[in-house]
Amino acid sequence: MFSPIAILFGMDHPRYHEPWTYGEEAMQNFIKYDSLWYALFPYMYSNAYRLYRDH
């Protein structure tokens, strides 16, 4: 989830599916880390801007 592009679905490939097709445990893990990513997003965005501005 913390890679620049976190895409698990939407591709036309037999092994890529929507997160909920992997079962309840996988879906709960997806929700957990997706929520964490969104909670940390303001900090990541601010630091990326600070790096751009100062370098």
PDB file of N, CA and C in Angstrom:
ATOM      1  N   MET A   1       0.805  -1.203   0.000  1.00  0.00           N
ATOM      2  CA  MET A   1       0.000   0.000   0.000  1.00  0.00           C
ATOM      3  C   MET A   1       0.845   1.263   0.000  1.00  0.00           C
ATOM      4  N   PHE A   2       2.092   1.154   0.360  1.00  0.00           N
ATOM      5  CA  PHE A   2       2.913   2.343   0.464  1.00  0.00           C
ATOM      6  C   PHE A   2       3.807   2.569  -0.740  1.00  0.00           C
ATOM      7  N   SER A   3       3.592   1.805  -1.789  1.00  0.00           N
ATOM      8  CA  SER A   3       4.320   2.079  -3.020  1.00  0.00           C
ATOM      9  C   SER A   3       3.644   3.254  -3.726  1.00  0.00           C
ATOM     10  N   PRO A   4       4.336   3.931  -4.631  1.00  0.00           N
ATOM     11  CA  PRO A   4       3.712   5.074  -5.310  1.00  0.00           C
ATOM     12  C   PRO A   4       2.439   4.701  -6.065  1.00  0.00           C
ATOM     13  N   ILE A   5       2.368   3.475  -6.546  1.00  0.00           N
ATOM     14  CA  ILE A   5       1.164   3.018  -7.250  1.00  0.00           C
ATOM     15  C   ILE A   5       0.707   1.726  -6.592  1.00  0.00           C
ATOM     16  N   ALA A   6      -0.392   1.780  -5.893  1.00  0.00           N
ATOM     17  CA  ALA A   6      -0.920   0.600  -5.206  1.00  0.00           C
ATOM     18  C   ALA A   6      -2.204   0.169  -5.905  1.00  0.00           C
ATOM     19  N   ILE A   7      -2.061  -0.604  -6.944  1.00  0.00           N
ATOM     20  CA  ILE A   7      -3.223  -1.059  -7.706  1.00  0.00           C
ATOM     21  C   ILE A   7      -3.271  -2.581  -7.639  1.00  0.00           C
ATOM     22  N   LEU A   8      -4.350  -3.105  -7.089  1.00  0.00           N
ATOM     23  CA  LEU A   8      -4.520  -4.545  -7.014  1.00  0.00           C
ATOM     24  C   LEU A   8      -5.559  -5.040  -8.003  1.00  0.00           C
ATOM     25  N   PHE A   9      -6.257  -4.141  -8.636  1.00  0.00           N
ATOM     26  CA  PHE A   9      -7.364  -4.540  -9.491  1.00  0.00           C
ATOM     27  C   PHE A   9      -7.443  -3.619 -10.691  1.00  0.00           C
ATOM     28  N   GLY A  10      -8.297  -3.965 -11.598  1.00  0.00           N
ATOM     29  CA  GLY A  10      -8.534  -3.114 -12.750  1.00  0.00           C
ATOM     30  C   GLY A  10      -7.693  -3.473 -13.959  1.00  0.00           C
ATOM     31  N   MET A  11      -6.818  -4.452 -13.818  1.00  0.00           N
ATOM     32  CA  MET A  11      -5.986  -4.843 -14.942  1.00  0.00           C
ATOM     33  C   MET A  11      -6.587  -6.072 -15.613  1.00  0.00           C
ATOM     34  N   ASP A  12      -6.418  -6.188 -16.882  1.00  0.00           N
ATOM     35  CA  ASP A  12      -6.946  -7.323 -17.627  1.00  0.00           C
ATOM     36  C   ASP A  12      -5.919  -8.463 -17.582  1.00  0.00           C
ATOM     37  N   HIS A  13      -5.871  -9.125 -16.435  1.00  0.00           N
ATOM     38  CA  HIS A  13      -4.916 -10.205 -16.220  1.00  0.00           C
ATOM     39  C   HIS A  13      -5.590 -11.233 -15.316  1.00  0.00           C
ATOM     40  N   PRO A  14      -5.432 -12.500 -15.562  1.00  0.00           N
ATOM     41  CA  PRO A  14      -6.154 -13.504 -14.774  1.00  0.00           C
ATOM     42  C   PRO A  14      -5.818 -13.520 -13.281  1.00  0.00           C
ATOM     43  N   ARG A  15      -4.658 -13.054 -12.883  1.00  0.00           N
ATOM     44  CA  ARG A  15      -4.290 -13.090 -11.460  1.00  0.00           C
ATOM     45  C   ARG A  15      -4.588 -11.796 -10.726  1.00  0.00           C
ATOM     46  N   TYR A  16      -5.065 -10.762 -11.380  1.00  0.00           N
ATOM     47  CA  TYR A  16      -5.388  -9.499 -10.718  1.00  0.00           C
ATOM     48  C   TYR A  16      -6.895  -9.416 -10.526  1.00  0.00           C
ATOM     49  N   HIS A  17      -7.301  -9.281  -9.267  1.00  0.00           N
ATOM     50  CA  HIS A  17      -8.718  -9.226  -8.920  1.00  0.00           C
ATOM     51  C   HIS A  17      -8.956  -8.126  -7.904  1.00  0.00           C
ATOM     52  N   GLU A  18     -10.204  -7.805  -7.683  1.00  0.00           N
ATOM     53  CA  GLU A  18     -10.565  -6.845  -6.659  1.00  0.00           C
ATOM     54  C   GLU A  18     -10.180  -7.414  -5.297  1.00  0.00           C
ATOM     55  N   PRO A  19      -9.844  -6.562  -4.340  1.00  0.00           N
ATOM     56  CA  PRO A  19      -9.375  -7.062  -3.040  1.00  0.00           C
ATOM     57  C   PRO A  19     -10.350  -8.014  -2.357  1.00  0.00           C
ATOM     58  N   TRP A  20     -11.656  -7.795  -2.488  1.00  0.00           N
ATOM     59  CA  TRP A  20     -12.631  -8.628  -1.790  1.00  0.00           C
ATOM     60  C   TRP A  20     -12.732 -10.045  -2.355  1.00  0.00           C
ATOM     61  N   THR A  21     -12.161 -10.306  -3.517  1.00  0.00           N
ATOM     62  CA  THR A  21     -12.223 -11.659  -4.075  1.00  0.00           C
ATOM     63  C   THR A  21     -11.207 -12.595  -3.435  1.00  0.00           C
ATOM     64  N   TYR A  22     -10.313 -12.066  -2.588  1.00  0.00           N
ATOM     65  CA  TYR A  22      -9.308 -12.898  -1.922  1.00  0.00           C
ATOM     66  C   TYR A  22      -9.768 -13.391  -0.560  1.00  0.00           C
ATOM     67  N   GLY A  23     -10.981 -13.044  -0.151  1.00  0.00           N
ATOM     68  CA  GLY A  23     -11.509 -13.518   1.130  1.00  0.00           C
ATOM     69  C   GLY A  23     -11.581 -12.422   2.171  1.00  0.00           C
ATOM     70  N   GLU A  24     -12.244 -12.755   3.268  1.00  0.00           N
ATOM     71  CA  GLU A  24     -12.503 -11.786   4.329  1.00  0.00           C
ATOM     72  C   GLU A  24     -11.215 -11.296   5.001  1.00  0.00           C
ATOM     73  N   GLU A  25     -10.288 -12.198   5.286  1.00  0.00           N
ATOM     74  CA  GLU A  25      -9.046 -11.792   5.951  1.00  0.00           C
ATOM     75  C   GLU A  25      -8.240 -10.838   5.069  1.00  0.00           C
ATOM     76  N   ALA A  26      -8.160 -11.136   3.783  1.00  0.00           N
ATOM     77  CA  ALA A  26      -7.440 -10.255   2.861  1.00  0.00           C
ATOM     78  C   ALA A  26      -8.118  -8.893   2.780  1.00  0.00           C
ATOM     79  N   MET A  27      -9.436  -8.896   2.784  1.00  0.00           N
ATOM     80  CA  MET A  27     -10.169  -7.632   2.708  1.00  0.00           C
ATOM     81  C   MET A  27      -9.935  -6.798   3.966  1.00  0.00           C
ATOM     82  N   GLN A  28      -9.924  -7.443   5.131  1.00  0.00           N
ATOM     83  CA  GLN A  28      -9.665  -6.715   6.374  1.00  0.00           C
ATOM     84  C   GLN A  28      -8.249  -6.136   6.379  1.00  0.00           C
ATOM     85  N   ASN A  29      -7.275  -6.881   5.868  1.00  0.00           N
ATOM     86  CA  ASN A  29      -5.909  -6.365   5.768  1.00  0.00           C
ATOM     87  C   ASN A  29      -5.835  -5.188   4.805  1.00  0.00           C
ATOM     88  N   PHE A  30      -6.543  -5.302   3.681  1.00  0.00           N
ATOM     89  CA  PHE A  30      -6.571  -4.204   2.713  1.00  0.00           C
ATOM     90  C   PHE A  30      -7.150  -2.948   3.351  1.00  0.00           C
ATOM     91  N   ILE A  31      -8.259  -3.087   4.045  1.00  0.00           N
ATOM     92  CA  ILE A  31      -8.904  -1.942   4.698  1.00  0.00           C
ATOM     93  C   ILE A  31      -7.976  -1.333   5.753  1.00  0.00           C
ATOM     94  N   LYS A  32      -7.323  -2.187   6.537  1.00  0.00           N
ATOM     95  CA  LYS A  32      -6.417  -1.711   7.587  1.00  0.00           C
ATOM     96  C   LYS A  32      -5.305  -0.852   7.005  1.00  0.00           C
ATOM     97  N   TYR A  33      -4.630  -1.354   5.982  1.00  0.00           N
ATOM     98  CA  TYR A  33      -3.496  -0.619   5.436  1.00  0.00           C
ATOM     99  C   TYR A  33      -3.924   0.530   4.526  1.00  0.00           C
ATOM    100  N   ASP A  34      -5.076   0.403   3.897  1.00  0.00           N
ATOM    101  CA  ASP A  34      -5.596   1.512   3.110  1.00  0.00           C
ATOM    102  C   ASP A  34      -5.971   2.670   4.025  1.00  0.00           C
ATOM    103  N   SER A  35      -6.587   2.369   5.147  1.00  0.00           N
ATOM    104  CA  SER A  35      -6.940   3.414   6.122  1.00  0.00           C
ATOM    105  C   SER A  35      -5.693   4.066   6.694  1.00  0.00           C
ATOM    106  N   LEU A  36      -4.673   3.273   6.974  1.00  0.00           N
ATOM    107  CA  LEU A  36      -3.414   3.823   7.476  1.00  0.00           C
ATOM    108  C   LEU A  36      -2.793   4.745   6.441  1.00  0.00           C
ATOM    109  N   TRP A  37      -2.815   4.332   5.180  1.00  0.00           N
ATOM    110  CA  TRP A  37      -2.250   5.161   4.110  1.00  0.00           C
ATOM    111  C   TRP A  37      -2.960   6.514   4.052  1.00  0.00           C
ATOM    112  N   TYR A  38      -4.282   6.498   4.113  1.00  0.00           N
ATOM    113  CA  TYR A  38      -5.026   7.755   4.071  1.00  0.00           C
ATOM    114  C   TYR A  38      -4.786   8.601   5.318  1.00  0.00           C
ATOM    115  N   ALA A  39      -4.575   7.969   6.472  1.00  0.00           N
ATOM    116  CA  ALA A  39      -4.281   8.722   7.692  1.00  0.00           C
ATOM    117  C   ALA A  39      -2.906   9.391   7.601  1.00  0.00           C
ATOM    118  N   LEU A  40      -1.958   8.727   6.956  1.00  0.00           N
ATOM    119  CA  LEU A  40      -0.596   9.266   6.839  1.00  0.00           C
ATOM    120  C   LEU A  40      -0.417  10.188   5.629  1.00  0.00           C
ATOM    121  N   PHE A  41      -1.373  10.209   4.728  1.00  0.00           N
ATOM    122  CA  PHE A  41      -1.231  10.965   3.492  1.00  0.00           C
ATOM    123  C   PHE A  41      -0.892  12.439   3.716  1.00  0.00           C
ATOM    124  N   PRO A  42      -1.547  13.149   4.638  1.00  0.00           N
ATOM    125  CA  PRO A  42      -1.181  14.570   4.832  1.00  0.00           C
ATOM    126  C   PRO A  42       0.286  14.758   5.214  1.00  0.00           C
ATOM    127  N   TYR A  43       0.829  13.846   6.002  1.00  0.00           N
ATOM    128  CA  TYR A  43       2.233  13.944   6.400  1.00  0.00           C
ATOM    129  C   TYR A  43       3.157  13.656   5.217  1.00  0.00           C
ATOM    130  N   MET A  44       2.817  12.642   4.432  1.00  0.00           N
ATOM    131  CA  MET A  44       3.631  12.317   3.263  1.00  0.00           C
ATOM    132  C   MET A  44       3.591  13.466   2.252  1.00  0.00           C
ATOM    133  N   TYR A  45       2.431  14.028   2.039  1.00  0.00           N
ATOM    134  CA  TYR A  45       2.273  15.133   1.095  1.00  0.00           C
ATOM    135  C   TYR A  45       3.054  16.355   1.558  1.00  0.00           C
ATOM    136  N   SER A  46       2.935  16.691   2.854  1.00  0.00           N
ATOM    137  CA  SER A  46       3.655  17.843   3.398  1.00  0.00           C
ATOM    138  C   SER A  46       5.156  17.667   3.291  1.00  0.00           C
ATOM    139  N   ASN A  47       5.641  16.469   3.586  1.00  0.00           N
ATOM    140  CA  ASN A  47       7.078  16.225   3.494  1.00  0.00           C
ATOM    141  C   ASN A  47       7.560  16.233   2.052  1.00  0.00           C
ATOM    142  N   ALA A  48       6.761  15.731   1.138  1.00  0.00           N
ATOM    143  CA  ALA A  48       7.138  15.784  -0.281  1.00  0.00           C
ATOM    144  C   ALA A  48       7.232  17.231  -0.744  1.00  0.00           C
ATOM    145  N   TYR A  49       6.288  18.057  -0.329  1.00  0.00           N
ATOM    146  CA  TYR A  49       6.342  19.475  -0.697  1.00  0.00           C
ATOM    147  C   TYR A  49       7.557  20.151  -0.074  1.00  0.00           C
ATOM    148  N   ARG A  50       7.831  19.842   1.200  1.00  0.00           N
ATOM    149  CA  ARG A  50       8.985  20.444   1.868  1.00  0.00           C
ATOM    150  C   ARG A  50      10.282  20.052   1.166  1.00  0.00           C
ATOM    151  N   LEU A  51      10.394  18.807   0.738  1.00  0.00           N
ATOM    152  CA  LEU A  51      11.569  18.360   0.006  1.00  0.00           C
ATOM    153  C   LEU A  51      11.690  19.103  -1.330  1.00  0.00           C
ATOM    154  N   TYR A  52      10.577  19.261  -2.043  1.00  0.00           N
ATOM    155  CA  TYR A  52      10.565  20.002  -3.308  1.00  0.00           C
ATOM    156  C   TYR A  52      10.992  21.463  -3.079  1.00  0.00           C
ATOM    157  N   ARG A  53      10.424  22.069  -2.063  1.00  0.00           N
ATOM    158  CA  ARG A  53      10.678  23.481  -1.788  1.00  0.00           C
ATOM    159  C   ARG A  53      12.123  23.744  -1.368  1.00  0.00           C
ATOM    160  N   ASP A  54      12.689  22.878  -0.562  1.00  0.00           N
ATOM    161  CA  ASP A  54      14.003  23.138   0.016  1.00  0.00           C
ATOM    162  C   ASP A  54      15.177  22.613  -0.806  1.00  0.00           C
ATOM    163  N   HIS A  55      14.912  21.841  -1.844  1.00  0.00           N
ATOM    164  CA  HIS A  55      16.041  21.290  -2.615  1.00  0.00           C
ATOM    165  C   HIS A  55      15.970  21.705  -4.042  1.00  0.00           C
TER     166      HIS A  55
END
